[in-house]
């Protein structure tokens, strides 16, 4: 099995204001981006289950031109609250690193150019 780090060169979480967490998954290349999006694993149901929020409050946006997936959701507690264990939201991605994903497909032949 593969992990997110087999697909992504960067996996991070951070605050998007005091009420919102955002996650960025930046893929190595077009092949890994297409494969990651194709797994369907980065969906609202996953983040809802991990962070105890309503699926309707989770926004998943695929950015094909940036080879990235961005996910935003309400913070479990407001930034700075006495129960806030991660003031900057920078450690919230950690449980995602244990996700088991299908192996990254091997690269196929390079596409032919018009000159060939």
N, C-alpha and C. Protein backbone atom coordinates (compact mmCIF):
# COMPACT_ATOMS: atom_id res chain seq x y z
N UNK A 1 0.83 -1.19 0.00
CA UNK A 1 0.00 0.00 0.00
C UNK A 1 0.87 1.25 0.00
N UNK A 2 0.31 2.33 -0.47
CA UNK A 2 0.99 3.61 -0.54
C UNK A 2 0.39 4.55 0.51
N UNK A 3 1.05 5.66 0.72
CA UNK A 3 0.56 6.71 1.62
C UNK A 3 0.46 8.01 0.84
N UNK A 4 -0.07 9.03 1.48
CA UNK A 4 -0.18 10.33 0.82
C UNK A 4 1.18 10.86 0.37
N UNK A 5 2.23 10.54 1.11
CA UNK A 5 3.54 11.05 0.73
C UNK A 5 4.08 10.39 -0.53
N UNK A 6 3.52 9.25 -0.93
CA UNK A 6 3.88 8.65 -2.21
C UNK A 6 3.24 9.42 -3.36
N UNK A 7 2.16 10.10 -3.10
CA UNK A 7 1.44 10.88 -4.11
C UNK A 7 1.82 12.35 -4.08
N UNK A 8 2.14 12.87 -2.88
CA UNK A 8 2.27 14.31 -2.68
C UNK A 8 3.68 14.72 -2.27
N UNK A 9 4.11 15.85 -2.79
CA UNK A 9 5.38 16.43 -2.35
C UNK A 9 5.17 17.31 -1.12
N UNK A 10 3.92 17.71 -0.87
CA UNK A 10 3.61 18.53 0.29
C UNK A 10 2.22 18.17 0.81
N UNK A 11 2.14 17.87 2.09
CA UNK A 11 0.88 17.67 2.80
C UNK A 11 0.95 18.58 4.01
N UNK A 12 -0.01 19.49 4.13
CA UNK A 12 0.04 20.40 5.28
C UNK A 12 -1.36 20.81 5.69
N UNK A 13 -1.43 21.30 6.93
CA UNK A 13 -2.66 21.89 7.44
C UNK A 13 -2.28 23.22 8.07
N UNK A 14 -3.25 24.11 8.11
CA UNK A 14 -3.02 25.42 8.72
C UNK A 14 -4.36 26.09 8.94
N UNK A 15 -4.34 27.14 9.72
CA UNK A 15 -5.55 27.92 9.93
C UNK A 15 -5.85 28.75 8.69
N UNK A 16 -7.12 28.90 8.44
CA UNK A 16 -7.58 29.86 7.44
C UNK A 16 -8.50 30.80 8.21
N UNK A 17 -7.92 31.49 9.17
CA UNK A 17 -8.68 32.31 10.10
C UNK A 17 -8.92 31.53 11.38
N UNK A 18 -9.51 32.15 12.39
CA UNK A 18 -9.68 31.49 13.70
C UNK A 18 -10.75 30.41 13.74
N UNK A 19 -11.55 30.30 12.68
CA UNK A 19 -12.66 29.36 12.70
C UNK A 19 -12.54 28.23 11.68
N UNK A 20 -11.51 28.27 10.83
CA UNK A 20 -11.41 27.33 9.73
C UNK A 20 -10.02 26.71 9.63
N UNK A 21 -10.00 25.39 9.37
CA UNK A 21 -8.77 24.68 9.06
C UNK A 21 -8.74 24.44 7.56
N UNK A 22 -7.55 24.48 6.99
CA UNK A 22 -7.41 24.14 5.58
C UNK A 22 -6.25 23.16 5.43
N UNK A 23 -6.41 22.25 4.49
CA UNK A 23 -5.43 21.22 4.21
C UNK A 23 -5.02 21.36 2.75
N UNK A 24 -3.73 21.22 2.48
CA UNK A 24 -3.22 21.28 1.12
C UNK A 24 -2.51 19.97 0.80
N UNK A 25 -2.82 19.41 -0.36
CA UNK A 25 -2.19 18.19 -0.84
C UNK A 25 -1.64 18.52 -2.23
N UNK A 26 -0.34 18.72 -2.33
CA UNK A 26 0.29 19.11 -3.59
C UNK A 26 1.03 17.90 -4.16
N UNK A 27 0.60 17.47 -5.31
CA UNK A 27 1.10 16.23 -5.90
C UNK A 27 2.43 16.42 -6.63
N UNK A 28 3.14 15.30 -6.77
CA UNK A 28 4.45 15.31 -7.43
C UNK A 28 4.34 15.73 -8.90
N UNK A 29 3.33 15.23 -9.58
CA UNK A 29 3.19 15.47 -11.02
C UNK A 29 1.76 15.16 -11.44
N UNK A 30 1.46 15.32 -12.72
CA UNK A 30 0.11 15.09 -13.24
C UNK A 30 -0.34 13.65 -12.99
N UNK A 31 0.55 12.70 -13.15
CA UNK A 31 0.20 11.30 -12.97
C UNK A 31 -0.25 11.03 -11.55
N UNK A 32 0.49 11.54 -10.56
CA UNK A 32 0.11 11.29 -9.17
C UNK A 32 -1.12 12.09 -8.78
N UNK A 33 -1.28 13.29 -9.35
CA UNK A 33 -2.49 14.07 -9.08
C UNK A 33 -3.72 13.32 -9.59
N UNK A 34 -3.67 12.88 -10.84
CA UNK A 34 -4.81 12.15 -11.40
C UNK A 34 -5.10 10.88 -10.61
N UNK A 35 -4.05 10.18 -10.18
CA UNK A 35 -4.23 8.95 -9.41
C UNK A 35 -4.85 9.25 -8.04
N UNK A 36 -4.38 10.30 -7.37
CA UNK A 36 -4.92 10.65 -6.05
C UNK A 36 -6.39 11.05 -6.16
N UNK A 37 -6.71 11.91 -7.08
CA UNK A 37 -8.10 12.32 -7.26
C UNK A 37 -8.95 11.11 -7.63
N UNK A 38 -8.39 10.23 -8.43
CA UNK A 38 -9.10 9.03 -8.85
C UNK A 38 -9.43 8.07 -7.72
N UNK A 39 -8.64 8.08 -6.64
CA UNK A 39 -8.95 7.20 -5.51
C UNK A 39 -10.22 7.63 -4.80
N UNK A 40 -10.53 8.93 -4.84
CA UNK A 40 -11.70 9.45 -4.15
C UNK A 40 -11.58 9.46 -2.64
N UNK A 41 -10.39 9.21 -2.12
CA UNK A 41 -10.23 9.12 -0.67
C UNK A 41 -10.34 10.47 0.04
N UNK A 42 -9.91 11.53 -0.61
CA UNK A 42 -9.97 12.86 0.01
C UNK A 42 -11.35 13.45 -0.22
N UNK A 43 -12.31 12.96 0.55
CA UNK A 43 -13.69 13.42 0.39
C UNK A 43 -14.22 13.96 1.71
N UNK A 44 -15.40 14.55 1.66
CA UNK A 44 -16.00 15.16 2.84
C UNK A 44 -16.24 14.13 3.95
N UNK A 45 -16.58 12.90 3.58
CA UNK A 45 -16.84 11.87 4.59
C UNK A 45 -15.60 11.58 5.44
N UNK A 46 -14.44 11.51 4.81
CA UNK A 46 -13.20 11.26 5.54
C UNK A 46 -12.94 12.37 6.57
N UNK A 47 -13.00 13.61 6.14
CA UNK A 47 -12.70 14.73 7.03
C UNK A 47 -13.77 14.89 8.10
N UNK A 48 -15.00 14.60 7.76
CA UNK A 48 -16.08 14.63 8.73
C UNK A 48 -15.82 13.62 9.85
N UNK A 49 -15.42 12.41 9.47
CA UNK A 49 -15.15 11.36 10.46
C UNK A 49 -13.93 11.69 11.32
N UNK A 50 -12.86 12.20 10.70
CA UNK A 50 -11.64 12.49 11.44
C UNK A 50 -11.78 13.69 12.38
N UNK A 51 -12.54 14.68 11.98
CA UNK A 51 -12.58 15.92 12.73
C UNK A 51 -13.94 16.23 13.35
N UNK A 52 -14.86 15.28 13.28
CA UNK A 52 -16.14 15.41 13.97
C UNK A 52 -16.97 16.60 13.52
N UNK A 53 -16.99 16.84 12.23
CA UNK A 53 -17.79 17.94 11.70
C UNK A 53 -18.80 17.39 10.70
N UNK A 54 -19.78 18.15 10.39
CA UNK A 54 -20.81 17.74 9.43
C UNK A 54 -20.21 17.72 8.02
N UNK A 55 -20.52 16.68 7.25
CA UNK A 55 -20.01 16.57 5.88
C UNK A 55 -20.36 17.81 5.05
N UNK A 56 -21.51 18.40 5.30
CA UNK A 56 -21.94 19.57 4.54
C UNK A 56 -21.05 20.79 4.80
N UNK A 57 -20.27 20.76 5.89
CA UNK A 57 -19.39 21.87 6.22
C UNK A 57 -17.97 21.69 5.68
N UNK A 58 -17.72 20.57 4.99
CA UNK A 58 -16.39 20.28 4.45
C UNK A 58 -16.38 20.65 2.97
N UNK A 59 -15.41 21.45 2.58
CA UNK A 59 -15.26 21.86 1.19
C UNK A 59 -14.00 21.22 0.62
N UNK A 60 -14.17 20.42 -0.43
CA UNK A 60 -13.04 19.78 -1.11
C UNK A 60 -12.96 20.38 -2.51
N UNK A 61 -11.80 20.95 -2.84
CA UNK A 61 -11.62 21.59 -4.14
C UNK A 61 -10.40 20.98 -4.82
N UNK A 62 -10.61 20.44 -6.02
CA UNK A 62 -9.50 19.93 -6.83
C UNK A 62 -8.99 21.05 -7.72
N UNK A 63 -7.68 21.21 -7.75
CA UNK A 63 -7.04 22.26 -8.56
C UNK A 63 -6.13 21.58 -9.58
N UNK A 64 -6.67 21.12 -10.71
CA UNK A 64 -5.83 20.39 -11.66
C UNK A 64 -4.65 21.19 -12.19
N UNK A 65 -4.81 22.48 -12.42
CA UNK A 65 -3.70 23.26 -12.96
C UNK A 65 -2.56 23.41 -11.94
N UNK A 66 -2.87 23.33 -10.67
CA UNK A 66 -1.86 23.40 -9.62
C UNK A 66 -1.43 22.02 -9.13
N UNK A 67 -2.07 20.97 -9.66
CA UNK A 67 -1.80 19.59 -9.23
C UNK A 67 -2.00 19.46 -7.72
N UNK A 68 -3.07 20.06 -7.22
CA UNK A 68 -3.31 20.12 -5.79
C UNK A 68 -4.78 19.89 -5.45
N UNK A 69 -4.99 19.44 -4.22
CA UNK A 69 -6.32 19.32 -3.65
C UNK A 69 -6.32 20.14 -2.37
N UNK A 70 -7.36 20.94 -2.17
CA UNK A 70 -7.48 21.77 -0.97
C UNK A 70 -8.78 21.38 -0.27
N UNK A 71 -8.70 21.22 1.04
CA UNK A 71 -9.87 20.87 1.84
C UNK A 71 -9.98 21.88 2.97
N UNK A 72 -11.17 22.42 3.17
CA UNK A 72 -11.41 23.36 4.27
C UNK A 72 -12.59 22.89 5.10
N UNK A 73 -12.50 23.12 6.41
CA UNK A 73 -13.56 22.72 7.33
C UNK A 73 -13.48 23.56 8.59
N UNK A 74 -14.57 23.60 9.35
CA UNK A 74 -14.53 24.35 10.61
C UNK A 74 -13.53 23.74 11.59
N UNK A 75 -12.81 24.59 12.30
CA UNK A 75 -11.91 24.09 13.36
C UNK A 75 -12.75 23.41 14.44
N UNK A 76 -12.23 22.34 15.05
CA UNK A 76 -12.97 21.69 16.13
C UNK A 76 -13.27 22.63 17.30
N UNK A 77 -12.32 23.52 17.61
CA UNK A 77 -12.54 24.60 18.58
C UNK A 77 -11.93 25.86 17.98
N UNK A 78 -12.43 27.00 18.38
CA UNK A 78 -11.93 28.27 17.87
C UNK A 78 -10.47 28.45 18.27
N UNK A 79 -9.69 29.00 17.36
CA UNK A 79 -8.28 29.25 17.64
C UNK A 79 -8.13 30.07 18.92
N UNK A 80 -7.26 29.62 19.80
CA UNK A 80 -6.99 30.33 21.04
C UNK A 80 -7.87 29.93 22.20
N UNK A 81 -8.89 29.13 21.96
CA UNK A 81 -9.75 28.62 23.04
C UNK A 81 -8.89 27.80 24.00
N UNK A 82 -9.28 27.72 25.26
CA UNK A 82 -8.51 26.95 26.24
C UNK A 82 -8.36 25.48 25.83
N UNK A 83 -9.30 24.96 25.05
CA UNK A 83 -9.23 23.56 24.60
C UNK A 83 -8.48 23.40 23.28
N UNK A 84 -7.95 24.49 22.74
CA UNK A 84 -7.24 24.44 21.46
C UNK A 84 -5.85 23.85 21.66
N UNK A 85 -5.64 22.65 21.12
CA UNK A 85 -4.36 21.97 21.30
C UNK A 85 -3.38 22.25 20.16
N UNK A 86 -3.80 22.96 19.14
CA UNK A 86 -2.93 23.27 18.00
C UNK A 86 -3.27 24.67 17.51
N UNK A 87 -2.67 25.65 18.13
CA UNK A 87 -3.00 27.06 17.90
C UNK A 87 -2.94 27.45 16.42
N UNK A 88 -1.97 26.91 15.68
CA UNK A 88 -1.79 27.29 14.28
C UNK A 88 -2.43 26.31 13.30
N UNK A 89 -2.95 25.19 13.80
CA UNK A 89 -3.55 24.19 12.92
C UNK A 89 -2.52 23.40 12.11
N UNK A 90 -1.26 23.57 12.43
CA UNK A 90 -0.18 22.97 11.65
C UNK A 90 0.05 21.49 11.87
N UNK A 91 -0.59 20.89 12.86
CA UNK A 91 -0.39 19.46 13.13
C UNK A 91 -1.61 18.62 12.78
N UNK A 92 -2.64 19.23 12.26
CA UNK A 92 -3.89 18.51 12.04
C UNK A 92 -3.82 17.51 10.89
N UNK A 93 -2.83 17.62 10.03
CA UNK A 93 -2.68 16.70 8.91
C UNK A 93 -2.14 15.34 9.33
N UNK A 94 -1.56 15.24 10.52
CA UNK A 94 -0.85 14.03 10.94
C UNK A 94 -1.66 12.74 10.79
N UNK A 95 -2.93 12.67 11.21
CA UNK A 95 -3.67 11.40 11.04
C UNK A 95 -3.83 10.98 9.58
N UNK A 96 -3.76 11.92 8.68
CA UNK A 96 -3.92 11.60 7.26
C UNK A 96 -2.72 10.87 6.69
N UNK A 97 -1.57 11.00 7.32
CA UNK A 97 -0.36 10.35 6.81
C UNK A 97 -0.42 8.84 6.95
N UNK A 98 -1.32 8.33 7.78
CA UNK A 98 -1.47 6.89 7.98
C UNK A 98 -2.47 6.26 7.01
N UNK A 99 -3.14 7.07 6.19
CA UNK A 99 -4.11 6.53 5.25
C UNK A 99 -3.44 5.55 4.30
N UNK A 100 -4.09 4.43 4.06
CA UNK A 100 -3.58 3.48 3.09
C UNK A 100 -4.26 3.72 1.76
N UNK A 101 -3.45 3.95 0.75
CA UNK A 101 -3.93 4.23 -0.60
C UNK A 101 -3.40 3.17 -1.54
N UNK A 102 -4.03 3.03 -2.71
CA UNK A 102 -3.49 2.10 -3.70
C UNK A 102 -2.09 2.55 -4.14
N UNK A 103 -1.28 1.61 -4.56
CA UNK A 103 0.04 1.96 -5.08
C UNK A 103 -0.11 2.96 -6.22
N UNK A 104 0.83 3.86 -6.31
CA UNK A 104 0.81 4.85 -7.40
C UNK A 104 1.06 4.09 -8.70
N UNK A 105 0.21 4.31 -9.71
CA UNK A 105 0.43 3.61 -10.98
C UNK A 105 1.78 3.96 -11.59
N UNK A 106 2.38 3.00 -12.23
CA UNK A 106 3.66 3.23 -12.91
C UNK A 106 3.43 4.19 -14.07
N UNK A 107 4.41 5.01 -14.35
CA UNK A 107 4.23 5.93 -15.47
C UNK A 107 4.18 5.16 -16.79
N UNK A 108 3.32 5.63 -17.65
CA UNK A 108 3.23 5.04 -18.98
C UNK A 108 4.22 5.72 -19.90
N UNK A 109 4.18 5.37 -21.17
CA UNK A 109 5.08 6.03 -22.11
C UNK A 109 4.73 7.51 -22.22
N UNK A 110 5.72 8.29 -22.50
CA UNK A 110 5.52 9.73 -22.68
C UNK A 110 4.60 9.96 -23.87
N UNK A 111 3.68 10.92 -23.78
CA UNK A 111 2.82 11.20 -24.94
C UNK A 111 3.64 11.72 -26.11
N UNK A 112 3.23 11.36 -27.27
CA UNK A 112 3.92 11.80 -28.47
C UNK A 112 3.62 13.27 -28.75
N UNK A 113 4.58 13.97 -29.27
CA UNK A 113 4.36 15.37 -29.63
C UNK A 113 3.98 15.43 -31.11
N UNK A 114 3.50 16.57 -31.55
CA UNK A 114 3.07 16.72 -32.94
C UNK A 114 4.24 16.59 -33.92
N UNK A 115 5.45 16.87 -33.44
CA UNK A 115 6.62 16.80 -34.32
C UNK A 115 7.02 15.36 -34.61
N UNK A 116 6.60 14.41 -33.78
CA UNK A 116 7.02 13.01 -33.96
C UNK A 116 6.24 12.32 -35.05
